Amino acid sequence: MALEGGRLHEALRGGRFALIIPEPYDDGGARGQRLAVERWASGARRTTVLVRPDGYVAWASDSAGPAEIETALAAHVG
């Protein structure tokens, strides 16, 4: 997956979850040690994906707003 910050495997380094989003999202740094926030390299993508540290998708949505993203992060990342 092409991301603005590189590739997915780079975002998952260090055992972190990766939240891949089409729009900017800021969780206030509360999960900084457990979560990497990346944006799609292509602006045409609208899917938001939360990837577990083992590379499996934990959650995905085509129309997630901040509340839905926060709910998914709370459930999976803590």
C-alpha atoms as a PDB file:
ATOM      1  CA  MET A   1       0.000   0.000   0.000  1.00  0.00           C
ATOM      2  CA  ALA A   2       1.426   3.357  -0.967  1.00  0.00           C
ATOM      3  CA  LEU A   3       1.216   5.907   1.810  1.00  0.00           C
ATOM      4  CA  GLU A   4       2.411   9.503   2.008  1.00  0.00           C
ATOM      5  CA  GLY A   5       4.978   8.457   4.615  1.00  0.00           C
ATOM      6  CA  GLY A   6       6.206   5.388   2.748  1.00  0.00           C
ATOM      7  CA  ARG A   7       4.906   1.832   2.762  1.00  0.00           C
ATOM      8  CA  LEU A   8       2.645  -0.050   5.154  1.00  0.00           C
ATOM      9  CA  HIS A   9       5.417  -2.286   6.478  1.00  0.00           C
ATOM     10  CA  GLU A  10       7.331   0.827   7.525  1.00  0.00           C
ATOM     11  CA  ALA A  11       4.332   2.162   9.470  1.00  0.00           C
ATOM     12  CA  LEU A  12       3.976  -1.174  11.292  1.00  0.00           C
ATOM     13  CA  ARG A  13       7.570  -1.220  12.519  1.00  0.00           C
ATOM     14  CA  GLY A  14       7.912  -1.328  16.259  1.00  0.00           C
ATOM     15  CA  GLY A  15       4.712  -3.307  16.785  1.00  0.00           C
ATOM     16  CA  ARG A  16       2.300  -0.408  16.270  1.00  0.00           C
ATOM     17  CA  PHE A  17      -1.152  -0.343  14.750  1.00  0.00           C
ATOM     18  CA  ALA A  18      -1.446   1.719  11.566  1.00  0.00           C
ATOM     19  CA  LEU A  19      -4.440   3.965  10.898  1.00  0.00           C
ATOM     20  CA  ILE A  20      -4.576   4.797   7.204  1.00  0.00           C
ATOM     21  CA  ILE A  21      -6.915   7.666   6.398  1.00  0.00           C
ATOM     22  CA  PRO A  22      -7.948   9.823   3.454  1.00  0.00           C
ATOM     23  CA  GLU A  23      -8.292  13.029   5.535  1.00  0.00           C
ATOM     24  CA  PRO A  24      -6.094  14.438   8.308  1.00  0.00           C
ATOM     25  CA  TYR A  25      -6.843  12.968  11.736  1.00  0.00           C
ATOM     26  CA  ASP A  26      -5.305  13.885  15.074  1.00  0.00           C
ATOM     27  CA  ASP A  27      -5.891  11.773  18.155  1.00  0.00           C
ATOM     28  CA  GLY A  28      -3.945  14.258  20.238  1.00  0.00           C
ATOM     29  CA  GLY A  29      -0.935  11.958  20.508  1.00  0.00           C
ATOM     30  CA  ALA A  30      -2.653   9.844  23.155  1.00  0.00           C
ATOM     31  CA  ARG A  31      -1.754   6.605  21.360  1.00  0.00           C
ATOM     32  CA  GLY A  32       1.607   7.663  19.933  1.00  0.00           C
ATOM     33  CA  GLN A  33       3.496   4.600  21.176  1.00  0.00           C
ATOM     34  CA  ARG A  34       0.852   2.178  19.855  1.00  0.00           C
ATOM     35  CA  LEU A  35      -0.436   3.920  16.714  1.00  0.00           C
ATOM     36  CA  ALA A  36       1.024   5.272  13.481  1.00  0.00           C
ATOM     37  CA  VAL A  37      -1.330   7.596  11.569  1.00  0.00           C
ATOM     38  CA  GLU A  38      -0.718   7.648   7.813  1.00  0.00           C
ATOM     39  CA  ARG A  39      -2.508   9.082   4.776  1.00  0.00           C
ATOM     40  CA  TRP A  40      -3.030   7.415   1.427  1.00  0.00           C
ATOM     41  CA  ALA A  41      -0.535   8.561  -1.218  1.00  0.00           C
ATOM     42  CA  SER A  42      -3.387   8.838  -3.723  1.00  0.00           C
ATOM     43  CA  GLY A  43      -6.056  11.426  -2.900  1.00  0.00           C
ATOM     44  CA  ALA A  44      -8.703   9.347  -4.686  1.00  0.00           C
ATOM     45  CA  ARG A  45      -8.963   6.761  -1.895  1.00  0.00           C
ATOM     46  CA  ARG A  46     -11.707   7.300   0.663  1.00  0.00           C
ATOM     47  CA  THR A  47     -11.384   4.144   2.785  1.00  0.00           C
ATOM     48  CA  THR A  48     -10.158   4.364   6.365  1.00  0.00           C
ATOM     49  CA  VAL A  49      -8.284   1.243   7.501  1.00  0.00           C
ATOM     50  CA  LEU A  50      -6.919   0.203  10.889  1.00  0.00           C
ATOM     51  CA  VAL A  51      -4.177  -2.402  10.459  1.00  0.00           C
ATOM     52  CA  ARG A  52      -2.994  -4.562  13.353  1.00  0.00           C
ATOM     53  CA  PRO A  53       0.746  -4.876  14.061  1.00  0.00           C
ATOM     54  CA  ASP A  54       0.698  -8.356  12.477  1.00  0.00           C
ATOM     55  CA  GLY A  55      -0.534  -6.878   9.182  1.00  0.00           C
ATOM     56  CA  TYR A  56      -4.167  -7.987   9.371  1.00  0.00           C
ATOM     57  CA  VAL A  57      -6.991  -5.471   9.000  1.00  0.00           C
ATOM     58  CA  ALA A  58      -8.719  -4.857  12.338  1.00  0.00           C
ATOM     59  CA  TRP A  59     -11.345  -2.433  10.995  1.00  0.00           C
ATOM     60  CA  ALA A  60     -12.224  -0.590   7.797  1.00  0.00           C
ATOM     61  CA  SER A  61     -14.862   1.874   6.609  1.00  0.00           C
ATOM     62  CA  ASP A  62     -15.619   3.772   3.418  1.00  0.00           C
ATOM     63  CA  SER A  63     -17.320   6.658   5.231  1.00  0.00           C
ATOM     64  CA  ALA A  64     -15.886   6.936   8.736  1.00  0.00           C
ATOM     65  CA  GLY A  65     -16.073  10.221  10.577  1.00  0.00           C
ATOM     66  CA  PRO A  66     -14.042  11.160  13.654  1.00  0.00           C
ATOM     67  CA  ALA A  67     -16.525   9.511  16.060  1.00  0.00           C
ATOM     68  CA  GLU A  68     -16.418   6.183  14.219  1.00  0.00           C
ATOM     69  CA  ILE A  69     -12.641   6.302  14.008  1.00  0.00           C
ATOM     70  CA  GLU A  70     -12.365   7.006  17.737  1.00  0.00           C
ATOM     71  CA  THR A  71     -14.728   4.110  18.540  1.00  0.00           C
ATOM     72  CA  ALA A  72     -12.622   1.716  16.432  1.00  0.00           C
ATOM     73  CA  LEU A  73      -9.387   2.962  17.996  1.00  0.00           C
ATOM     74  CA  ALA A  74     -10.791   2.576  21.516  1.00  0.00           C
ATOM     75  CA  ALA A  75     -11.944  -0.971  20.750  1.00  0.00           C
ATOM     76  CA  HIS A  76      -8.746  -2.172  19.094  1.00  0.00           C
ATOM     77  CA  VAL A  77      -5.848  -0.008  20.260  1.00  0.00           C
ATOM     78  CA  GLY A  78      -7.047   1.088  23.680  1.00  0.00           C
END
